[in-house]
Amino acid sequence: MDIVKTRLQGAAQGAYSGPIDCARQLLRKEGIKGFYSGLGANVVGVTPEKAIKLAVNDAVREKFEKDDGSISLGHEILAGAMAGFCQVIATNPMEIIKIRMQTMYLKPTAEQMGTVQVIRYLGIKGLYRGTPATLIRDVPFSFIIFPGYSNLKRVLSDDQGDCSLTNNLLAGVVSAAVGAGAVTPMDVIKTRLQVSGGNELYGEGVAAIPRCISHTWKTEGMSALFAGVGPRMTVVGCLFGISLLSFDVCKSML
């Protein structure tokens, strides 16, 4: 689902008619293996990224919780925003490597690289290319998902305040899917900045963001800013639903 999302966001207008067409073309041209391009970077990077995000949000929430365990919406948003800000330390390198591997098929065979080669080619500075766009995506996402998750759990809890595992998972999936859909335009921009050739087309730094938005809007229309929104909401909803449920279960056990 994630690679379908990336292909839809990085492709030229008209390359795919939608997620299903993209998946069919991917299967026909690259086989099952093509759906798992960039898996190594994802597996390695998602662990510290989720650990940082969940731990920071939890730690900040505890600072603002009252004696009865309640917390204001403003403080929930602040905790989520700080978690999103801190996670970019791990998120940006993971995402740029993953995106490069997922779009490697665009290069001639002689120019294609493996994961380690991509890391060496980018270097430390290159691994943080597109960081402003990642921050503008992840901070709003985090201050949507965490308050949404905690309040949905409260709504879905029984009279004793206990939330079942199923409802816990549902709260995580719904809040994450809503957050992912809301920040999809910035995810599209981040993807286009981080693909190979993105810095040559749009430049680097914060100024690259409005240039990329303007170019995308003028050449492809507003709909291009929501490319891959369905696959993105699906994959992020499932990912965070599982992550948040696992975090709460482990926390209660420890």
Foldseek 3Di string as FASTA:
>chain_A
DVLLLLCQLQDDPPPAPASVRSVVVQCVPPNPVLVCFLVVLCVVLVVLLLVQLVVQLVVQLVVQADPVRDHDLVSNLVSQLVSLLVSLVRVQLSVLLSLQRSCQVVDDPVPRDDSVVVPVVQDPVNSCFLVVLSSVLRNQLRSQQRVQLVVQQQVQADPVSDGDLVSSLVSQLVSNLVSLQVRQLSVSLSSQCSYPCNCVQQNTDPSSSVVSVVVCCVPPNPVSSRGSSVVRSRVRSNVRSVSRSVVVVVVVVD
